Amino acid sequence: MSDTNPTRYALRKHEVASALGICERKVHDLIKSGELPSFKVGRVVLIPIAGMQAFIASQVQTGGHA
């Protein structure tokens, strides 16, 4: 049976950039600094969705203004 909407566990850099509303270069910088986890499959750099969500949670400020 074919799943027409498979669960995704990781995104490419350009997909993360689009999801976060930032440029792909910033995603690269976040990966390089260790703030955003990633792994490679062949030449493709992938960012785990859970890692992206953890990054977002770490950036959320509580109280006050951003």
PDB file of N, CA and C in Angstrom:
ATOM      1  N   MET A   1       0.843  -1.175   0.000  1.00  0.00           N
ATOM      2  CA  MET A   1       0.000   0.000   0.000  1.00  0.00           C
ATOM      3  C   MET A   1       0.891   1.242   0.000  1.00  0.00           C
ATOM      4  N   SER A   2       0.556   2.186  -0.827  1.00  0.00           N
ATOM      5  CA  SER A   2       1.339   3.413  -0.952  1.00  0.00           C
ATOM      6  C   SER A   2       0.736   4.518  -0.095  1.00  0.00           C
ATOM      7  N   ASP A   3       1.592   5.183   0.671  1.00  0.00           N
ATOM      8  CA  ASP A   3       1.151   6.308   1.500  1.00  0.00           C
ATOM      9  C   ASP A   3       1.298   7.581   0.679  1.00  0.00           C
ATOM     10  N   THR A   4       0.185   8.230   0.372  1.00  0.00           N
ATOM     11  CA  THR A   4       0.237   9.427  -0.471  1.00  0.00           C
ATOM     12  C   THR A   4       0.735  10.653   0.283  1.00  0.00           C
ATOM     13  N   ASN A   5       0.775  10.596   1.600  1.00  0.00           N
ATOM     14  CA  ASN A   5       1.233  11.723   2.403  1.00  0.00           C
ATOM     15  C   ASN A   5       2.181  11.207   3.487  1.00  0.00           C
ATOM     16  N   PRO A   6       3.399  10.791   3.100  1.00  0.00           N
ATOM     17  CA  PRO A   6       4.312  10.194   4.074  1.00  0.00           C
ATOM     18  C   PRO A   6       4.776  11.203   5.125  1.00  0.00           C
ATOM     19  N   THR A   7       5.079  10.684   6.306  1.00  0.00           N
ATOM     20  CA  THR A   7       5.605  11.520   7.378  1.00  0.00           C
ATOM     21  C   THR A   7       7.037  11.898   7.055  1.00  0.00           C
ATOM     22  N   ARG A   8       7.338  13.186   7.174  1.00  0.00           N
ATOM     23  CA  ARG A   8       8.708  13.650   6.938  1.00  0.00           C
ATOM     24  C   ARG A   8       9.375  13.885   8.278  1.00  0.00           C
ATOM     25  N   TYR A   9      10.645  13.528   8.355  1.00  0.00           N
ATOM     26  CA  TYR A   9      11.401  13.683   9.583  1.00  0.00           C
ATOM     27  C   TYR A   9      12.488  14.738   9.463  1.00  0.00           C
ATOM     28  N   ALA A  10      12.789  15.154   8.241  1.00  0.00           N
ATOM     29  CA  ALA A  10      13.849  16.133   8.022  1.00  0.00           C
ATOM     30  C   ALA A  10      13.526  16.971   6.790  1.00  0.00           C
ATOM     31  N   LEU A  11      14.109  18.173   6.764  1.00  0.00           N
ATOM     32  CA  LEU A  11      13.913  19.103   5.660  1.00  0.00           C
ATOM     33  C   LEU A  11      15.263  19.528   5.099  1.00  0.00           C
ATOM     34  N   ARG A  12      15.268  19.948   3.846  1.00  0.00           N
ATOM     35  CA  ARG A  12      16.469  20.516   3.239  1.00  0.00           C
ATOM     36  C   ARG A  12      16.627  21.958   3.702  1.00  0.00           C
ATOM     37  N   LYS A  13      17.828  22.502   3.511  1.00  0.00           N
ATOM     38  CA  LYS A  13      18.102  23.867   3.971  1.00  0.00           C
ATOM     39  C   LYS A  13      17.127  24.880   3.401  1.00  0.00           C
ATOM     40  N   HIS A  14      16.816  24.781   2.117  1.00  0.00           N
ATOM     41  CA  HIS A  14      15.914  25.764   1.516  1.00  0.00           C
ATOM     42  C   HIS A  14      14.501  25.648   2.083  1.00  0.00           C
ATOM     43  N   GLU A  15      14.099  24.440   2.481  1.00  0.00           N
ATOM     44  CA  GLU A  15      12.776  24.261   3.078  1.00  0.00           C
ATOM     45  C   GLU A  15      12.715  24.864   4.481  1.00  0.00           C
ATOM     46  N   VAL A  16      13.790  24.703   5.239  1.00  0.00           N
ATOM     47  CA  VAL A  16      13.864  25.300   6.576  1.00  0.00           C
ATOM     48  C   VAL A  16      13.860  26.819   6.456  1.00  0.00           C
ATOM     49  N   ALA A  17      14.634  27.335   5.509  1.00  0.00           N
ATOM     50  CA  ALA A  17      14.679  28.785   5.299  1.00  0.00           C
ATOM     51  C   ALA A  17      13.285  29.321   4.994  1.00  0.00           C
ATOM     52  N   SER A  18      12.568  28.644   4.139  1.00  0.00           N
ATOM     53  CA  SER A  18      11.217  29.068   3.782  1.00  0.00           C
ATOM     54  C   SER A  18      10.278  28.986   4.982  1.00  0.00           C
ATOM     55  N   ALA A  19      10.373  27.902   5.740  1.00  0.00           N
ATOM     56  CA  ALA A  19       9.499  27.710   6.900  1.00  0.00           C
ATOM     57  C   ALA A  19       9.741  28.769   7.972  1.00  0.00           C
ATOM     58  N   LEU A  20      11.003  29.186   8.135  1.00  0.00           N
ATOM     59  CA  LEU A  20      11.342  30.163   9.169  1.00  0.00           C
ATOM     60  C   LEU A  20      11.312  31.599   8.662  1.00  0.00           C
ATOM     61  N   GLY A  21      11.192  31.769   7.354  1.00  0.00           N
ATOM     62  CA  GLY A  21      11.169  33.113   6.785  1.00  0.00           C
ATOM     63  C   GLY A  21      12.521  33.796   6.827  1.00  0.00           C
ATOM     64  N   ILE A  22      13.583  32.998   6.669  1.00  0.00           N
ATOM     65  CA  ILE A  22      14.951  33.529   6.661  1.00  0.00           C
ATOM     66  C   ILE A  22      15.644  33.054   5.387  1.00  0.00           C
ATOM     67  N   CYS A  23      16.809  33.609   5.109  1.00  0.00           N
ATOM     68  CA  CYS A  23      17.528  33.198   3.906  1.00  0.00           C
ATOM     69  C   CYS A  23      18.283  31.889   4.162  1.00  0.00           C
ATOM     70  N   GLU A  24      18.583  31.202   3.081  1.00  0.00           N
ATOM     71  CA  GLU A  24      19.284  29.925   3.179  1.00  0.00           C
ATOM     72  C   GLU A  24      20.674  30.095   3.792  1.00  0.00           C
ATOM     73  N   ARG A  25      21.305  31.231   3.552  1.00  0.00           N
ATOM     74  CA  ARG A  25      22.630  31.496   4.129  1.00  0.00           C
ATOM     75  C   ARG A  25      22.558  31.526   5.658  1.00  0.00           C
ATOM     76  N   LYS A  26      21.481  32.092   6.209  1.00  0.00           N
ATOM     77  CA  LYS A  26      21.307  32.134   7.663  1.00  0.00           C
ATOM     78  C   LYS A  26      21.134  30.724   8.212  1.00  0.00           C
ATOM     79  N   VAL A  27      20.412  29.871   7.490  1.00  0.00           N
ATOM     80  CA  VAL A  27      20.271  28.471   7.897  1.00  0.00           C
ATOM     81  C   VAL A  27      21.647  27.820   7.933  1.00  0.00           C
ATOM     82  N   HIS A  28      22.447  28.060   6.908  1.00  0.00           N
ATOM     83  CA  HIS A  28      23.816  27.538   6.859  1.00  0.00           C
ATOM     84  C   HIS A  28      24.613  28.004   8.080  1.00  0.00           C
ATOM     85  N   ASP A  29      24.515  29.291   8.401  1.00  0.00           N
ATOM     86  CA  ASP A  29      25.236  29.844   9.551  1.00  0.00           C
ATOM     87  C   ASP A  29      24.774  29.210  10.863  1.00  0.00           C
ATOM     88  N   LEU A  30      23.475  28.985  11.008  1.00  0.00           N
ATOM     89  CA  LEU A  30      22.939  28.355  12.222  1.00  0.00           C
ATOM     90  C   LEU A  30      23.431  26.917  12.359  1.00  0.00           C
ATOM     91  N   ILE A  31      23.539  26.217  11.242  1.00  0.00           N
ATOM     92  CA  ILE A  31      24.072  24.855  11.258  1.00  0.00           C
ATOM     93  C   ILE A  31      25.545  24.883  11.649  1.00  0.00           C
ATOM     94  N   LYS A  32      26.297  25.773  11.033  1.00  0.00           N
ATOM     95  CA  LYS A  32      27.738  25.861  11.292  1.00  0.00           C
ATOM     96  C   LYS A  32      28.027  26.202  12.752  1.00  0.00           C
ATOM     97  N   SER A  33      27.190  27.053  13.356  1.00  0.00           N
ATOM     98  CA  SER A  33      27.401  27.455  14.750  1.00  0.00           C
ATOM     99  C   SER A  33      26.911  26.399  15.741  1.00  0.00           C
ATOM    100  N   GLY A  34      26.209  25.380  15.245  1.00  0.00           N
ATOM    101  CA  GLY A  34      25.703  24.327  16.115  1.00  0.00           C
ATOM    102  C   GLY A  34      24.334  24.622  16.708  1.00  0.00           C
ATOM    103  N   GLU A  35      23.748  25.751  16.346  1.00  0.00           N
ATOM    104  CA  GLU A  35      22.428  26.105  16.875  1.00  0.00           C
ATOM    105  C   GLU A  35      21.311  25.288  16.242  1.00  0.00           C
ATOM    106  N   LEU A  36      21.552  24.814  15.034  1.00  0.00           N
ATOM    107  CA  LEU A  36      20.558  24.031  14.305  1.00  0.00           C
ATOM    108  C   LEU A  36      21.214  22.704  13.919  1.00  0.00           C
ATOM    109  N   PRO A  37      20.679  21.578  14.408  1.00  0.00           N
ATOM    110  CA  PRO A  37      21.296  20.292  14.091  1.00  0.00           C
ATOM    111  C   PRO A  37      21.077  19.910  12.627  1.00  0.00           C
ATOM    112  N   SER A  38      22.001  19.141  12.095  1.00  0.00           N
ATOM    113  CA  SER A  38      21.871  18.682  10.712  1.00  0.00           C
ATOM    114  C   SER A  38      22.646  17.385  10.528  1.00  0.00           C
ATOM    115  N   PHE A  39      22.381  16.734   9.411  1.00  0.00           N
ATOM    116  CA  PHE A  39      23.145  15.556   9.016  1.00  0.00           C
ATOM    117  C   PHE A  39      23.138  15.490   7.498  1.00  0.00           C
ATOM    118  N   LYS A  40      24.067  14.718   6.953  1.00  0.00           N
ATOM    119  CA  LYS A  40      24.171  14.603   5.504  1.00  0.00           C
ATOM    120  C   LYS A  40      23.822  13.192   5.058  1.00  0.00           C
ATOM    121  N   VAL A  41      23.146  13.135   3.930  1.00  0.00           N
ATOM    122  CA  VAL A  41      22.916  11.882   3.220  1.00  0.00           C
ATOM    123  C   VAL A  41      23.458  12.134   1.825  1.00  0.00           C
ATOM    124  N   GLY A  42      24.619  11.569   1.562  1.00  0.00           N
ATOM    125  CA  GLY A  42      25.300  11.894   0.311  1.00  0.00           C
ATOM    126  C   GLY A  42      25.698  13.358   0.331  1.00  0.00           C
ATOM    127  N   ARG A  43      25.243  14.103  -0.655  1.00  0.00           N
ATOM    128  CA  ARG A  43      25.547  15.536  -0.733  1.00  0.00           C
ATOM    129  C   ARG A  43      24.464  16.409  -0.107  1.00  0.00           C
ATOM    130  N   VAL A  44      23.364  15.794   0.271  1.00  0.00           N
ATOM    131  CA  VAL A  44      22.210  16.553   0.760  1.00  0.00           C
ATOM    132  C   VAL A  44      22.315  16.788   2.265  1.00  0.00           C
ATOM    133  N   VAL A  45      22.215  18.052   2.666  1.00  0.00           N
ATOM    134  CA  VAL A  45      22.189  18.417   4.081  1.00  0.00           C
ATOM    135  C   VAL A  45      20.733  18.446   4.520  1.00  0.00           C
ATOM    136  N   LEU A  46      20.446  17.714   5.587  1.00  0.00           N
ATOM    137  CA  LEU A  46      19.080  17.645   6.104  1.00  0.00           C
ATOM    138  C   LEU A  46      19.041  18.130   7.547  1.00  0.00           C
ATOM    139  N   ILE A  47      17.949  18.788   7.896  1.00  0.00           N
ATOM    140  CA  ILE A  47      17.739  19.293   9.245  1.00  0.00           C
ATOM    141  C   ILE A  47      16.535  18.548   9.810  1.00  0.00           C
ATOM    142  N   PRO A  48      16.721  17.828  10.931  1.00  0.00           N
ATOM    143  CA  PRO A  48      15.580  17.134  11.525  1.00  0.00           C
ATOM    144  C   PRO A  48      14.490  18.136  11.922  1.00  0.00           C
ATOM    145  N   ILE A  49      13.242  17.800  11.632  1.00  0.00           N
ATOM    146  CA  ILE A  49      12.141  18.690  11.990  1.00  0.00           C
ATOM    147  C   ILE A  49      12.119  18.911  13.498  1.00  0.00           C
ATOM    148  N   ALA A  50      12.389  17.875  14.271  1.00  0.00           N
ATOM    149  CA  ALA A  50      12.424  18.024  15.731  1.00  0.00           C
ATOM    150  C   ALA A  50      13.517  19.007  16.151  1.00  0.00           C
ATOM    151  N   GLY A  51      14.642  18.999  15.449  1.00  0.00           N
ATOM    152  CA  GLY A  51      15.720  19.942  15.741  1.00  0.00           C
ATOM    153  C   GLY A  51      15.327  21.368  15.414  1.00  0.00           C
ATOM    154  N   MET A  52      14.600  21.539  14.308  1.00  0.00           N
ATOM    155  CA  MET A  52      14.124  22.871  13.942  1.00  0.00           C
ATOM    156  C   MET A  52      13.124  23.369  14.985  1.00  0.00           C
ATOM    157  N   GLN A  53      12.248  22.487  15.441  1.00  0.00           N
ATOM    158  CA  GLN A  53      11.270  22.875  16.455  1.00  0.00           C
ATOM    159  C   GLN A  53      11.959  23.236  17.772  1.00  0.00           C
ATOM    160  N   ALA A  54      13.000  22.498  18.140  1.00  0.00           N
ATOM    161  CA  ALA A  54      13.747  22.806  19.360  1.00  0.00           C
ATOM    162  C   ALA A  54      14.439  24.158  19.230  1.00  0.00           C
ATOM    163  N   PHE A  55      14.978  24.449  18.048  1.00  0.00           N
ATOM    164  CA  PHE A  55      15.604  25.748  17.812  1.00  0.00           C
ATOM    165  C   PHE A  55      14.581  26.863  17.986  1.00  0.00           C
ATOM    166  N   ILE A  56      13.407  26.696  17.406  1.00  0.00           N
ATOM    167  CA  ILE A  56      12.353  27.708  17.527  1.00  0.00           C
ATOM    168  C   ILE A  56      12.002  27.912  18.993  1.00  0.00           C
ATOM    169  N   ALA A  57      11.814  26.825  19.726  1.00  0.00           N
ATOM    170  CA  ALA A  57      11.463  26.922  21.148  1.00  0.00           C
ATOM    171  C   ALA A  57      12.542  27.653  21.935  1.00  0.00           C
ATOM    172  N   SER A  58      13.803  27.447  21.565  1.00  0.00           N
ATOM    173  CA  SER A  58      14.899  28.108  22.285  1.00  0.00           C
ATOM    174  C   SER A  58      14.959  29.601  21.990  1.00  0.00           C
ATOM    175  N   GLN A  59      14.341  30.022  20.902  1.00  0.00           N
ATOM    176  CA  GLN A  59      14.374  31.427  20.513  1.00  0.00           C
ATOM    177  C   GLN A  59      13.186  32.223  21.048  1.00  0.00           C
ATOM    178  N   VAL A  60      12.158  31.530  21.498  1.00  0.00           N
ATOM    179  CA  VAL A  60      10.950  32.201  21.974  1.00  0.00           C
ATOM    180  C   VAL A  60      11.244  32.878  23.303  1.00  0.00           C
ATOM    181  N   GLN A  61      10.931  34.171  23.356  1.00  0.00           N
ATOM    182  CA  GLN A  61      11.122  34.930  24.585  1.00  0.00           C
ATOM    183  C   GLN A  61       9.798  34.982  25.328  1.00  0.00           C
ATOM    184  N   THR A  62       9.862  34.755  26.631  1.00  0.00           N
ATOM    185  CA  THR A  62       8.648  34.850  27.429  1.00  0.00           C
ATOM    186  C   THR A  62       8.639  36.182  28.152  1.00  0.00           C
ATOM    187  N   GLY A  63       7.491  36.825  28.160  1.00  0.00           N
ATOM    188  CA  GLY A  63       7.365  38.129  28.805  1.00  0.00           C
ATOM    189  C   GLY A  63       8.092  39.197  28.015  1.00  0.00           C
ATOM    190  N   GLY A  64       7.732  40.422  28.198  1.00  0.00           N
ATOM    191  CA  GLY A  64       8.399  41.520  27.505  1.00  0.00           C
ATOM    192  C   GLY A  64       8.140  41.481  26.017  1.00  0.00           C
ATOM    193  N   HIS A  65       8.932  42.220  25.288  1.00  0.00           N
ATOM    194  CA  HIS A  65       8.789  42.304  23.832  1.00  0.00           C
ATOM    195  C   HIS A  65      10.050  41.801  23.162  1.00  0.00           C
ATOM    196  N   ALA A  66       9.898  41.301  21.957  1.00  0.00           N
ATOM    197  CA  ALA A  66      11.034  40.775  21.187  1.00  0.00           C
ATOM    198  C   ALA A  66      11.890  41.888  20.649  1.00  0.00           C
TER     199      ALA A  66
END
